[in-house]
Amino acid sequence: MASSEKTLRTCNKGHNYYKSSECPTCPTCEQERKPIEGFLSLLSAPARRALENNGITSLQKLSTYSEKEILQFHGMGPASIPKLRDALEESGLSFRN
């Protein structure tokens, strides 16, 4: 397996970080914007961005989608579904069937 060479990058806020992919996301900025509480705080950064990029920032909005639809979002993986399902159930909601 070939290893990719990491390159030093600087984000708009001046944070320096190394990346081996073309992903422009600054890990420091991403950590700073991670919610402290709520269902979005349970998710990885790519899964959280997938929901946010699709306008899903509340459990009520999430409940209007099926699990299959959520899994179609770029960045959303199957490991996030049980976390989302639990958060919905705690609020008396569920995914659309």
PDB file of N, CA and C in Angstrom:
ATOM      1  N   MET A   1       0.838  -1.165   0.000  1.00  0.00           N
ATOM      2  CA  MET A   1       0.000   0.000   0.000  1.00  0.00           C
ATOM      3  C   MET A   1       0.888   1.236   0.000  1.00  0.00           C
ATOM      4  N   ALA A   2       0.723   2.103  -0.962  1.00  0.00           N
ATOM      5  CA  ALA A   2       1.530   3.304  -1.075  1.00  0.00           C
ATOM      6  C   ALA A   2       1.030   4.370  -0.122  1.00  0.00           C
ATOM      7  N   SER A   3       1.971   5.072   0.497  1.00  0.00           N
ATOM      8  CA  SER A   3       1.559   6.145   1.395  1.00  0.00           C
ATOM      9  C   SER A   3       1.557   7.454   0.632  1.00  0.00           C
ATOM     10  N   SER A   4       0.609   8.309   0.959  1.00  0.00           N
ATOM     11  CA  SER A   4       0.501   9.607   0.316  1.00  0.00           C
ATOM     12  C   SER A   4       1.324  10.612   1.108  1.00  0.00           C
ATOM     13  N   GLU A   5       1.976  11.491   0.396  1.00  0.00           N
ATOM     14  CA  GLU A   5       2.774  12.512   1.051  1.00  0.00           C
ATOM     15  C   GLU A   5       1.854  13.633   1.527  1.00  0.00           C
ATOM     16  N   LYS A   6       2.045  14.043   2.769  1.00  0.00           N
ATOM     17  CA  LYS A   6       1.227  15.108   3.330  1.00  0.00           C
ATOM     18  C   LYS A   6       1.855  16.457   2.997  1.00  0.00           C
ATOM     19  N   THR A   7       0.989  17.418   2.700  1.00  0.00           N
ATOM     20  CA  THR A   7       1.465  18.764   2.397  1.00  0.00           C
ATOM     21  C   THR A   7       0.971  19.727   3.466  1.00  0.00           C
ATOM     22  N   LEU A   8       1.801  20.709   3.770  1.00  0.00           N
ATOM     23  CA  LEU A   8       1.437  21.730   4.746  1.00  0.00           C
ATOM     24  C   LEU A   8       0.489  22.715   4.104  1.00  0.00           C
ATOM     25  N   ARG A   9      -0.600  22.999   4.792  1.00  0.00           N
ATOM     26  CA  ARG A   9      -1.598  23.950   4.304  1.00  0.00           C
ATOM     27  C   ARG A   9      -1.917  24.949   5.406  1.00  0.00           C
ATOM     28  N   THR A  10      -2.474  26.066   5.012  1.00  0.00           N
ATOM     29  CA  THR A  10      -2.910  27.096   5.953  1.00  0.00           C
ATOM     30  C   THR A  10      -4.332  27.497   5.574  1.00  0.00           C
ATOM     31  N   CYS A  11      -5.225  27.477   6.561  1.00  0.00           N
ATOM     32  CA  CYS A  11      -6.616  27.856   6.294  1.00  0.00           C
ATOM     33  C   CYS A  11      -6.763  29.371   6.336  1.00  0.00           C
ATOM     34  N   ASN A  12      -7.969  29.842   6.029  1.00  0.00           N
ATOM     35  CA  ASN A  12      -8.260  31.283   6.029  1.00  0.00           C
ATOM     36  C   ASN A  12      -8.072  31.929   7.393  1.00  0.00           C
ATOM     37  N   LYS A  13      -8.182  31.141   8.462  1.00  0.00           N
ATOM     38  CA  LYS A  13      -8.015  31.670   9.820  1.00  0.00           C
ATOM     39  C   LYS A  13      -6.563  31.614  10.291  1.00  0.00           C
ATOM     40  N   GLY A  14      -5.674  31.072   9.441  1.00  0.00           N
ATOM     41  CA  GLY A  14      -4.259  31.027   9.778  1.00  0.00           C
ATOM     42  C   GLY A  14      -3.783  29.754  10.447  1.00  0.00           C
ATOM     43  N   HIS A  15      -4.650  28.745  10.576  1.00  0.00           N
ATOM     44  CA  HIS A  15      -4.236  27.474  11.171  1.00  0.00           C
ATOM     45  C   HIS A  15      -3.385  26.699  10.163  1.00  0.00           C
ATOM     46  N   ASN A  16      -2.281  26.151  10.617  1.00  0.00           N
ATOM     47  CA  ASN A  16      -1.441  25.296   9.776  1.00  0.00           C
ATOM     48  C   ASN A  16      -1.795  23.839  10.052  1.00  0.00           C
ATOM     49  N   TYR A  17      -1.886  23.047   9.004  1.00  0.00           N
ATOM     50  CA  TYR A  17      -2.199  21.629   9.135  1.00  0.00           C
ATOM     51  C   TYR A  17      -1.661  20.880   7.924  1.00  0.00           C
ATOM     52  N   TYR A  18      -1.494  19.563   8.089  1.00  0.00           N
ATOM     53  CA  TYR A  18      -1.003  18.708   7.011  1.00  0.00           C
ATOM     54  C   TYR A  18      -2.141  17.839   6.502  1.00  0.00           C
ATOM     55  N   LYS A  19      -2.218  17.683   5.186  1.00  0.00           N
ATOM     56  CA  LYS A  19      -3.221  16.814   4.558  1.00  0.00           C
ATOM     57  C   LYS A  19      -2.574  16.043   3.415  1.00  0.00           C
ATOM     58  N   SER A  20      -3.016  14.809   3.234  1.00  0.00           N
ATOM     59  CA  SER A  20      -2.543  14.003   2.109  1.00  0.00           C
ATOM     60  C   SER A  20      -3.612  13.908   1.018  1.00  0.00           C
ATOM     61  N   SER A  21      -4.796  14.421   1.300  1.00  0.00           N
ATOM     62  CA  SER A  21      -5.883  14.381   0.321  1.00  0.00           C
ATOM     63  C   SER A  21      -6.165  15.787  -0.195  1.00  0.00           C
ATOM     64  N   GLU A  22      -7.103  15.876  -1.106  1.00  0.00           N
ATOM     65  CA  GLU A  22      -7.500  17.175  -1.657  1.00  0.00           C
ATOM     66  C   GLU A  22      -8.547  17.869  -0.793  1.00  0.00           C
ATOM     67  N   CYS A  23      -8.939  17.246   0.286  1.00  0.00           N
ATOM     68  CA  CYS A  23      -9.959  17.811   1.176  1.00  0.00           C
ATOM     69  C   CYS A  23      -9.467  19.149   1.738  1.00  0.00           C
ATOM     70  N   PRO A  24     -10.242  20.225   1.547  1.00  0.00           N
ATOM     71  CA  PRO A  24      -9.812  21.541   2.009  1.00  0.00           C
ATOM     72  C   PRO A  24     -10.165  21.856   3.464  1.00  0.00           C
ATOM     73  N   THR A  25     -10.767  20.920   4.174  1.00  0.00           N
ATOM     74  CA  THR A  25     -11.249  21.182   5.531  1.00  0.00           C
ATOM     75  C   THR A  25     -10.094  21.256   6.521  1.00  0.00           C
ATOM     76  N   CYS A  26     -10.061  22.336   7.276  1.00  0.00           N
ATOM     77  CA  CYS A  26      -9.057  22.525   8.321  1.00  0.00           C
ATOM     78  C   CYS A  26      -9.506  21.771   9.574  1.00  0.00           C
ATOM     79  N   PRO A  27      -8.704  20.849  10.094  1.00  0.00           N
ATOM     80  CA  PRO A  27      -9.116  20.092  11.274  1.00  0.00           C
ATOM     81  C   PRO A  27      -9.312  20.972  12.512  1.00  0.00           C
ATOM     82  N   THR A  28      -8.533  22.015  12.658  1.00  0.00           N
ATOM     83  CA  THR A  28      -8.667  22.907  13.813  1.00  0.00           C
ATOM     84  C   THR A  28      -9.987  23.675  13.739  1.00  0.00           C
ATOM     85  N   CYS A  29     -10.290  24.226  12.571  1.00  0.00           N
ATOM     86  CA  CYS A  29     -11.565  24.946  12.398  1.00  0.00           C
ATOM     87  C   CYS A  29     -12.742  24.003  12.618  1.00  0.00           C
ATOM     88  N   GLU A  30     -12.620  22.779  12.126  1.00  0.00           N
ATOM     89  CA  GLU A  30     -13.703  21.804  12.260  1.00  0.00           C
ATOM     90  C   GLU A  30     -13.942  21.464  13.726  1.00  0.00           C
ATOM     91  N   GLN A  31     -12.876  21.330  14.502  1.00  0.00           N
ATOM     92  CA  GLN A  31     -13.012  21.032  15.925  1.00  0.00           C
ATOM     93  C   GLN A  31     -13.643  22.212  16.663  1.00  0.00           C
ATOM     94  N   GLU A  32     -13.285  23.432  16.265  1.00  0.00           N
ATOM     95  CA  GLU A  32     -13.838  24.630  16.900  1.00  0.00           C
ATOM     96  C   GLU A  32     -15.332  24.791  16.662  1.00  0.00           C
ATOM     97  N   ARG A  33     -15.815  24.323  15.517  1.00  0.00           N
ATOM     98  CA  ARG A  33     -17.228  24.503  15.204  1.00  0.00           C
ATOM     99  C   ARG A  33     -18.103  23.305  15.590  1.00  0.00           C
ATOM    100  N   LYS A  34     -17.492  22.260  16.164  1.00  0.00           N
ATOM    101  CA  LYS A  34     -18.262  21.093  16.594  1.00  0.00           C
ATOM    102  C   LYS A  34     -19.184  21.480  17.752  1.00  0.00           C
ATOM    103  N   PRO A  35     -20.469  21.151  17.648  1.00  0.00           N
ATOM    104  CA  PRO A  35     -21.409  21.467  18.731  1.00  0.00           C
ATOM    105  C   PRO A  35     -21.038  20.733  20.022  1.00  0.00           C
ATOM    106  N   ILE A  36     -21.311  21.360  21.144  1.00  0.00           N
ATOM    107  CA  ILE A  36     -21.030  20.759  22.444  1.00  0.00           C
ATOM    108  C   ILE A  36     -22.152  19.814  22.856  1.00  0.00           C
ATOM    109  N   GLU A  37     -23.363  20.135  22.438  1.00  0.00           N
ATOM    110  CA  GLU A  37     -24.511  19.302  22.795  1.00  0.00           C
ATOM    111  C   GLU A  37     -25.444  19.186  21.603  1.00  0.00           C
ATOM    112  N   GLY A  38     -26.448  18.341  21.755  1.00  0.00           N
ATOM    113  CA  GLY A  38     -27.406  18.112  20.674  1.00  0.00           C
ATOM    114  C   GLY A  38     -26.987  16.931  19.810  1.00  0.00           C
ATOM    115  N   PHE A  39     -27.879  16.530  18.951  1.00  0.00           N
ATOM    116  CA  PHE A  39     -27.635  15.325  18.160  1.00  0.00           C
ATOM    117  C   PHE A  39     -26.466  15.472  17.190  1.00  0.00           C
ATOM    118  N   LEU A  40     -26.197  16.685  16.716  1.00  0.00           N
ATOM    119  CA  LEU A  40     -25.067  16.870  15.795  1.00  0.00           C
ATOM    120  C   LEU A  40     -23.723  16.657  16.491  1.00  0.00           C
ATOM    121  N   SER A  41     -23.675  16.826  17.810  1.00  0.00           N
ATOM    122  CA  SER A  41     -22.428  16.616  18.552  1.00  0.00           C
ATOM    123  C   SER A  41     -22.046  15.142  18.627  1.00  0.00           C
ATOM    124  N   LEU A  42     -22.980  14.257  18.336  1.00  0.00           N
ATOM    125  CA  LEU A  42     -22.728  12.816  18.384  1.00  0.00           C
ATOM    126  C   LEU A  42     -22.030  12.290  17.133  1.00  0.00           C
ATOM    127  N   LEU A  43     -22.005  13.095  16.088  1.00  0.00           N
ATOM    128  CA  LEU A  43     -21.557  12.633  14.780  1.00  0.00           C
ATOM    129  C   LEU A  43     -20.133  13.037  14.447  1.00  0.00           C
ATOM    130  N   SER A  44     -19.540  12.294  13.525  1.00  0.00           N
ATOM    131  CA  SER A  44     -18.241  12.667  12.992  1.00  0.00           C
ATOM    132  C   SER A  44     -18.399  13.931  12.155  1.00  0.00           C
ATOM    133  N   ALA A  45     -17.297  14.605  11.902  1.00  0.00           N
ATOM    134  CA  ALA A  45     -17.352  15.847  11.128  1.00  0.00           C
ATOM    135  C   ALA A  45     -17.959  15.644   9.736  1.00  0.00           C
ATOM    136  N   PRO A  46     -17.578  14.602   8.974  1.00  0.00           N
ATOM    137  CA  PRO A  46     -18.185  14.428   7.649  1.00  0.00           C
ATOM    138  C   PRO A  46     -19.693  14.181   7.708  1.00  0.00           C
ATOM    139  N   ALA A  47     -20.127  13.403   8.689  1.00  0.00           N
ATOM    140  CA  ALA A  47     -21.566  13.126   8.824  1.00  0.00           C
ATOM    141  C   ALA A  47     -22.313  14.391   9.229  1.00  0.00           C
ATOM    142  N   ARG A  48     -21.732  15.158  10.139  1.00  0.00           N
ATOM    143  CA  ARG A  48     -22.366  16.414  10.568  1.00  0.00           C
ATOM    144  C   ARG A  48     -22.484  17.380   9.399  1.00  0.00           C
ATOM    145  N   ARG A  49     -21.413  17.516   8.620  1.00  0.00           N
ATOM    146  CA  ARG A  49     -21.453  18.399   7.452  1.00  0.00           C
ATOM    147  C   ARG A  49     -22.470  17.919   6.429  1.00  0.00           C
ATOM    148  N   ALA A  50     -22.601  16.597   6.276  1.00  0.00           N
ATOM    149  CA  ALA A  50     -23.577  16.049   5.327  1.00  0.00           C
ATOM    150  C   ALA A  50     -24.984  16.502   5.677  1.00  0.00           C
ATOM    151  N   LEU A  51     -25.325  16.448   6.959  1.00  0.00           N
ATOM    152  CA  LEU A  51     -26.649  16.893   7.377  1.00  0.00           C
ATOM    153  C   LEU A  51     -26.793  18.404   7.226  1.00  0.00           C
ATOM    154  N   GLU A  52     -25.798  19.147   7.696  1.00  0.00           N
ATOM    155  CA  GLU A  52     -25.861  20.608   7.619  1.00  0.00           C
ATOM    156  C   GLU A  52     -25.968  21.086   6.168  1.00  0.00           C
ATOM    157  N   ASN A  53     -25.211  20.455   5.276  1.00  0.00           N
ATOM    158  CA  ASN A  53     -25.244  20.846   3.866  1.00  0.00           C
ATOM    159  C   ASN A  53     -26.589  20.562   3.211  1.00  0.00           C
ATOM    160  N   ASN A  54     -27.379  19.703   3.844  1.00  0.00           N
ATOM    161  CA  ASN A  54     -28.715  19.396   3.336  1.00  0.00           C
ATOM    162  C   ASN A  54     -29.804  20.061   4.166  1.00  0.00           C
ATOM    163  N   GLY A  55     -29.419  21.036   4.996  1.00  0.00           N
ATOM    164  CA  GLY A  55     -30.387  21.813   5.761  1.00  0.00           C
ATOM    165  C   GLY A  55     -30.987  21.106   6.958  1.00  0.00           C
ATOM    166  N   ILE A  56     -30.353  20.038   7.417  1.00  0.00           N
ATOM    167  CA  ILE A  56     -30.890  19.272   8.544  1.00  0.00           C
ATOM    168  C   ILE A  56     -30.120  19.665   9.800  1.00  0.00           C
ATOM    169  N   THR A  57     -30.731  20.525  10.600  1.00  0.00           N
ATOM    170  CA  THR A  57     -30.095  20.976  11.830  1.00  0.00           C
ATOM    171  C   THR A  57     -30.982  20.745  13.047  1.00  0.00           C
ATOM    172  N   SER A  58     -32.101  20.078  12.840  1.00  0.00           N
ATOM    173  CA  SER A  58     -32.989  19.764  13.964  1.00  0.00           C
ATOM    174  C   SER A  58     -33.496  18.327  13.814  1.00  0.00           C
ATOM    175  N   LEU A  59     -33.881  17.744  14.946  1.00  0.00           N
ATOM    176  CA  LEU A  59     -34.443  16.393  14.904  1.00  0.00           C
ATOM    177  C   LEU A  59     -35.768  16.362  14.157  1.00  0.00           C
ATOM    178  N   GLN A  60     -36.538  17.440  14.249  1.00  0.00           N
ATOM    179  CA  GLN A  60     -37.811  17.500  13.542  1.00  0.00           C
ATOM    180  C   GLN A  60     -37.574  17.405  12.027  1.00  0.00           C
ATOM    181  N   LYS A  61     -36.588  18.125  11.539  1.00  0.00           N
ATOM    182  CA  LYS A  61     -36.261  18.083  10.106  1.00  0.00           C
ATOM    183  C   LYS A  61     -35.725  16.701   9.730  1.00  0.00           C
ATOM    184  N   LEU A  62     -34.864  16.133  10.590  1.00  0.00           N
ATOM    185  CA  LEU A  62     -34.310  14.803  10.343  1.00  0.00           C
ATOM    186  C   LEU A  62     -35.420  13.764  10.219  1.00  0.00           C
ATOM    187  N   SER A  63     -36.468  13.905  11.018  1.00  0.00           N
ATOM    188  CA  SER A  63     -37.552  12.915  11.014  1.00  0.00           C
ATOM    189  C   SER A  63     -38.365  12.919   9.720  1.00  0.00           C
ATOM    190  N   THR A  64     -38.156  13.904   8.853  1.00  0.00           N
ATOM    191  CA  THR A  64     -38.878  13.932   7.576  1.00  0.00           C
ATOM    192  C   THR A  64     -38.166  13.118   6.499  1.00  0.00           C
ATOM    193  N   TYR A  65     -37.027  12.523   6.846  1.00  0.00           N
ATOM    194  CA  TYR A  65     -36.239  11.720   5.905  1.00  0.00           C
ATOM    195  C   TYR A  65     -36.243  10.257   6.334  1.00  0.00           C
ATOM    196  N   SER A  66     -36.052   9.370   5.375  1.00  0.00           N
ATOM    197  CA  SER A  66     -35.881   7.951   5.683  1.00  0.00           C
ATOM    198  C   SER A  66     -34.390   7.682   5.909  1.00  0.00           C
ATOM    199  N   GLU A  67     -34.083   6.564   6.548  1.00  0.00           N
ATOM    200  CA  GLU A  67     -32.683   6.186   6.755  1.00  0.00           C
ATOM    201  C   GLU A  67     -31.968   6.059   5.416  1.00  0.00           C
ATOM    202  N   LYS A  68     -32.649   5.494   4.441  1.00  0.00           N
ATOM    203  CA  LYS A  68     -32.054   5.303   3.118  1.00  0.00           C
ATOM    204  C   LYS A  68     -31.689   6.644   2.480  1.00  0.00           C
ATOM    205  N   GLU A  69     -32.559   7.635   2.633  1.00  0.00           N
ATOM    206  CA  GLU A  69     -32.285   8.965   2.078  1.00  0.00           C
ATOM    207  C   GLU A  69     -31.071   9.607   2.763  1.00  0.00           C
ATOM    208  N   ILE A  70     -30.981   9.463   4.081  1.00  0.00           N
ATOM    209  CA  ILE A  70     -29.862  10.039   4.833  1.00  0.00           C
ATOM    210  C   ILE A  70     -28.548   9.391   4.397  1.00  0.00           C
ATOM    211  N   LEU A  71     -28.553   8.097   4.183  1.00  0.00           N
ATOM    212  CA  LEU A  71     -27.338   7.392   3.774  1.00  0.00           C
ATOM    213  C   LEU A  71     -26.857   7.790   2.379  1.00  0.00           C
ATOM    214  N   GLN A  72     -27.706   8.416   1.595  1.00  0.00           N
ATOM    215  CA  GLN A  72     -27.319   8.862   0.258  1.00  0.00           C
ATOM    216  C   GLN A  72     -26.479  10.138   0.288  1.00  0.00           C
ATOM    217  N   PHE A  73     -26.497  10.863   1.420  1.00  0.00           N
ATOM    218  CA  PHE A  73     -25.746  12.110   1.516  1.00  0.00           C
ATOM    219  C   PHE A  73     -24.251  11.827   1.533  1.00  0.00           C
ATOM    220  N   HIS A  74     -23.521  12.595   0.775  1.00  0.00           N
ATOM    221  CA  HIS A  74     -22.057  12.465   0.744  1.00  0.00           C
ATOM    222  C   HIS A  74     -21.501  12.770   2.134  1.00  0.00           C
ATOM    223  N   GLY A  75     -20.735  11.840   2.683  1.00  0.00           N
ATOM    224  CA  GLY A  75     -20.146  12.008   4.007  1.00  0.00           C
ATOM    225  C   GLY A  75     -20.877  11.252   5.100  1.00  0.00           C
ATOM    226  N   MET A  76     -22.060  10.754   4.796  1.00  0.00           N
ATOM    227  CA  MET A  76     -22.845  10.029   5.792  1.00  0.00           C
ATOM    228  C   MET A  76     -22.573   8.539   5.670  1.00  0.00           C
ATOM    229  N   GLY A  77     -22.204   7.918   6.783  1.00  0.00           N
ATOM    230  CA  GLY A  77     -21.932   6.488   6.774  1.00  0.00           C
ATOM    231  C   GLY A  77     -22.911   5.732   7.639  1.00  0.00           C
ATOM    232  N   PRO A  78     -22.930   4.400   7.506  1.00  0.00           N
ATOM    233  CA  PRO A  78     -23.880   3.582   8.249  1.00  0.00           C
ATOM    234  C   PRO A  78     -23.691   3.625   9.763  1.00  0.00           C
ATOM    235  N   ALA A  79     -22.504   3.958  10.248  1.00  0.00           N
ATOM    236  CA  ALA A  79     -22.265   4.021  11.696  1.00  0.00           C
ATOM    237  C   ALA A  79     -23.031   5.167  12.346  1.00  0.00           C
ATOM    238  N   SER A  80     -23.420   6.156  11.569  1.00  0.00           N
ATOM    239  CA  SER A  80     -24.147   7.307  12.126  1.00  0.00           C
ATOM    240  C   SER A  80     -25.633   7.030  12.325  1.00  0.00           C
ATOM    241  N   ILE A  81     -26.181   6.093  11.598  1.00  0.00           N
ATOM    242  CA  ILE A  81     -27.620   5.835  11.651  1.00  0.00           C
ATOM    243  C   ILE A  81     -28.095   5.431  13.052  1.00  0.00           C
ATOM    244  N   PRO A  82     -27.425   4.496  13.746  1.00  0.00           N
ATOM    245  CA  PRO A  82     -27.906   4.158  15.099  1.00  0.00           C
ATOM    246  C   PRO A  82     -27.879   5.358  16.060  1.00  0.00           C
ATOM    247  N   LYS A  83     -26.875   6.220  15.937  1.00  0.00           N
ATOM    248  CA  LYS A  83     -26.803   7.410  16.783  1.00  0.00           C
ATOM    249  C   LYS A  83     -27.977   8.340  16.492  1.00  0.00           C
ATOM    250  N   LEU A  84     -28.286   8.505  15.215  1.00  0.00           N
ATOM    251  CA  LEU A  84     -29.402   9.365  14.829  1.00  0.00           C
ATOM    252  C   LEU A  84     -30.732   8.753  15.252  1.00  0.00           C
ATOM    253  N   ARG A  85     -30.844   7.445  15.079  1.00  0.00           N
ATOM    254  CA  ARG A  85     -32.080   6.748  15.461  1.00  0.00           C
ATOM    255  C   ARG A  85     -32.331   6.910  16.962  1.00  0.00           C
ATOM    256  N   ASP A  86     -31.277   6.735  17.778  1.00  0.00           N
ATOM    257  CA  ASP A  86     -31.410   6.889  19.229  1.00  0.00           C
ATOM    258  C   ASP A  86     -31.814   8.311  19.613  1.00  0.00           C
ATOM    259  N   ALA A  87     -31.190   9.300  18.963  1.00  0.00           N
ATOM    260  CA  ALA A  87     -31.525  10.703  19.256  1.00  0.00           C
ATOM    261  C   ALA A  87     -32.984  10.996  18.904  1.00  0.00           C
ATOM    262  N   LEU A  88     -33.437  10.464  17.783  1.00  0.00           N
ATOM    263  CA  LEU A  88     -34.837  10.647  17.394  1.00  0.00           C
ATOM    264  C   LEU A  88     -35.773   9.997  18.412  1.00  0.00           C
ATOM    265  N   GLU A  89     -35.469   8.755  18.810  1.00  0.00           N
ATOM    266  CA  GLU A  89     -36.321   8.027  19.750  1.00  0.00           C
ATOM    267  C   GLU A  89     -36.410   8.741  21.095  1.00  0.00           C
ATOM    268  N   GLU A  90     -35.294   9.334  21.556  1.00  0.00           N
ATOM    269  CA  GLU A  90     -35.299  10.060  22.829  1.00  0.00           C
ATOM    270  C   GLU A  90     -36.237  11.271  22.787  1.00  0.00           C
ATOM    271  N   SER A  91     -36.475  11.777  21.579  1.00  0.00           N
ATOM    272  CA  SER A  91     -37.382  12.921  21.423  1.00  0.00           C
ATOM    273  C   SER A  91     -38.777  12.503  20.968  1.00  0.00           C
ATOM    274  N   GLY A  92     -39.026  11.198  20.950  1.00  0.00           N
ATOM    275  CA  GLY A  92     -40.343  10.712  20.542  1.00  0.00           C
ATOM    276  C   GLY A  92     -40.562  10.771  19.039  1.00  0.00           C
ATOM    277  N   LEU A  93     -39.468  10.798  18.279  1.00  0.00           N
ATOM    278  CA  LEU A  93     -39.547  10.865  16.815  1.00  0.00           C
ATOM    279  C   LEU A  93     -38.921   9.627  16.198  1.00  0.00           C
ATOM    280  N   SER A  94     -39.051   9.501  14.889  1.00  0.00           N
ATOM    281  CA  SER A  94     -38.405   8.402  14.166  1.00  0.00           C
ATOM    282  C   SER A  94     -38.170   8.831  12.724  1.00  0.00           C
ATOM    283  N   PHE A  95     -37.363   8.038  12.038  1.00  0.00           N
ATOM    284  CA  PHE A  95     -37.160   8.280  10.611  1.00  0.00           C
ATOM    285  C   PHE A  95     -38.466   8.014   9.877  1.00  0.00           C
ATOM    286  N   ARG A  96     -38.657   8.686   8.730  1.00  0.00           N
ATOM    287  CA  ARG A  96     -39.832   8.430   7.904  1.00  0.00           C
ATOM    288  C   ARG A  96     -39.706   7.040   7.313  1.00  0.00           C
ATOM    289  N   ASN A  97     -40.810   6.333   7.209  1.00  0.00           N
ATOM    290  CA  ASN A  97     -40.798   4.982   6.610  1.00  0.00           C
ATOM    291  C   ASN A  97     -40.908   5.033   5.113  1.00  0.00           C
TER     292      ASN A  97
END
